[in-house]
Protein backbone atom coordinates (compact mmCIF):
# COMPACT_ATOMS: atom_id res chain seq x y z
CA MET A 1 -66.11 -14.29 81.99
CA ASN A 2 -68.36 -12.66 78.49
CA LEU A 3 -67.41 -9.55 78.09
CA LEU A 4 -70.72 -8.48 75.92
CA ALA A 5 -72.63 -10.56 78.22
CA ASN A 6 -74.13 -6.91 79.33
CA TYR A 7 -75.08 -5.61 76.10
CA PRO A 8 -77.56 -6.43 74.42
CA THR A 9 -76.93 -8.08 71.07
CA LEU A 10 -77.17 -5.50 68.49
CA LYS A 11 -79.33 -5.91 64.86
CA PHE A 12 -79.60 -4.24 61.69
CA THR A 13 -81.89 -4.79 59.43
CA MET A 14 -80.38 -4.66 55.45
CA GLY A 15 -82.00 -1.52 54.98
CA GLU A 16 -80.18 -0.15 57.96
CA VAL A 17 -76.81 -0.73 57.18
CA ALA A 18 -77.20 0.72 53.34
CA LEU A 19 -78.51 4.04 55.04
CA TYR A 20 -75.30 4.10 57.66
CA ALA A 21 -72.91 3.37 54.42
CA VAL A 22 -74.31 5.95 52.27
CA LEU A 23 -74.63 8.44 55.07
CA GLY A 24 -70.53 7.87 55.80
CA PHE A 25 -69.81 7.75 52.42
CA SER A 26 -72.04 11.33 52.66
CA ILE A 27 -69.91 12.74 54.77
CA VAL A 28 -66.65 11.55 53.43
CA LEU A 29 -67.38 13.22 50.08
CA ILE A 30 -68.90 16.18 51.81
CA VAL A 31 -65.54 16.65 53.65
CA LEU A 32 -63.14 16.61 50.25
CA CYS A 33 -65.35 19.55 48.99
CA PHE A 34 -65.20 20.87 51.63
CA LEU A 35 -61.64 21.16 51.55
CA MET A 36 -61.04 20.98 48.14
CA GLY A 37 -62.87 24.60 48.13
CA MET A 38 -60.23 25.46 50.79
CA ILE A 39 -57.28 24.43 49.34
CA LYS A 40 -58.39 27.17 46.31
CA LEU A 41 -59.41 29.80 47.80
CA LEU A 42 -56.47 29.66 49.63
CA SER A 43 -54.26 29.29 46.13
CA PHE A 44 -56.73 32.28 44.42
CA VAL A 45 -55.39 34.53 47.80
CA VAL A 46 -52.10 34.20 47.43
CA ASN A 47 -52.68 34.48 43.72
CA LYS A 48 -53.87 37.86 44.01
CA ILE A 49 -51.16 38.42 46.57
CA GLU A 50 -48.25 37.48 44.49
CA ALA A 51 -50.13 39.78 41.13
CA LYS A 52 -49.92 42.43 43.82
CA ALA A 53 -46.57 41.98 45.08
CA THR A 54 -44.95 41.80 41.47
CA LYS A 55 -47.21 45.08 39.84
CA ALA A 56 -45.49 46.77 42.45
CA MET A 57 -42.02 45.69 42.04
CA PRO A 58 -40.29 48.23 40.40
CA ALA A 59 -39.62 47.76 36.48
CA THR A 60 -36.24 46.33 35.58
CA ALA A 61 -34.30 47.23 32.85
CA ALA A 62 -34.26 44.82 29.50
CA PRO A 63 -33.41 41.38 29.59
CA ALA A 64 -29.63 40.82 28.89
CA VAL A 65 -28.48 40.40 25.96
CA GLU A 66 -26.40 36.84 26.46
CA THR A 67 -23.13 37.11 25.62
CA ALA A 68 -20.59 34.11 24.68
CA PRO A 69 -18.88 32.43 27.71
CA ALA A 70 -15.15 34.34 28.70
CA ILE A 71 -12.10 32.22 27.01
CA ALA A 72 -10.20 30.81 30.07
CA PRO A 73 -7.13 33.24 30.82
CA GLY A 74 -3.97 31.47 28.67
CA ARG A 75 -1.90 31.40 26.82
CA SER A 76 -2.49 28.94 23.71
CA GLY A 77 -3.70 30.76 21.45
CA LYS A 78 -4.94 28.61 18.25
CA ILE A 79 -3.24 25.18 17.69
CA LYS A 80 -2.90 22.97 14.54
CA LEU A 81 -4.72 19.64 14.45
CA PHE A 82 -3.45 17.34 12.15
CA ASP A 83 -5.55 14.40 11.62
CA VAL A 84 -6.67 14.52 15.66
CA PRO A 85 -10.64 15.26 16.26
CA ASP A 86 -11.29 18.18 18.93
CA ARG A 87 -12.16 15.68 21.92
CA GLU A 88 -8.77 13.68 21.74
CA ALA A 89 -6.41 17.02 21.27
CA ALA A 90 -8.59 17.98 24.86
CA MET A 91 -7.82 15.26 26.52
CA ILE A 92 -3.81 14.80 24.91
CA MET A 93 -3.58 18.21 26.28
CA ALA A 94 -5.49 17.25 29.90
CA ILE A 95 -2.70 14.41 29.85
CA VAL A 96 0.03 16.51 28.70
CA ALA A 97 -0.71 18.51 32.27
CA ASP A 98 -1.51 16.21 34.60
CA GLN A 99 1.70 14.68 34.01
CA LEU A 100 3.77 17.35 33.93
CA GLN A 101 1.06 18.82 37.30
CA GLU A 102 1.06 22.10 35.39
CA PRO A 103 -2.68 23.68 35.23
CA LEU A 104 -3.16 23.37 31.10
CA ALA A 105 -3.41 27.72 30.87
CA ASN A 106 0.14 27.56 31.95
CA LEU A 107 1.32 25.18 29.10
CA ASN A 108 1.17 26.83 24.60
CA PHE A 109 0.23 23.87 22.88
CA ILE A 110 1.68 24.79 18.94
CA SER A 111 0.51 21.24 16.91
CA ILE A 112 -0.59 18.09 17.93
CA LYS A 113 0.22 15.76 15.44
CA GLU A 114 -1.19 11.42 14.63
CA VAL A 115 1.82 9.36 14.95
CA LYS A 116 1.14 6.49 12.95
CA ASP A 117 3.28 3.65 12.55
CA GLY A 118 5.95 4.76 14.35
CA LYS A 119 5.90 7.40 11.39
CA GLU A 120 5.18 11.60 11.31
CA GLU A 121 2.71 11.89 7.97
């Protein structure tokens, strides 16, 4: 049973096919332009509303000057380093605090000296 038997055969000329293609592309282009216009309009309205909201806000004081971060509480003070870079000294202090299971702020390091060949220099 042929389902298309009841329908006449459609025959289009090349001109009609080209016309339908141009019409289809034109409709798509017009809809895209319409959507672009709507997006620009909504963007404009939102920007105007935000501008009004920022004008209505009371003026704040001048921005605060950025201060140095607070030093962590502890008693370590100044540490004398002998031939040890800062990074290595920090790692040594962290390892000691971990091994003693004490917070680093509770420990007081006076100096850190590198020992070479089992002798102090």
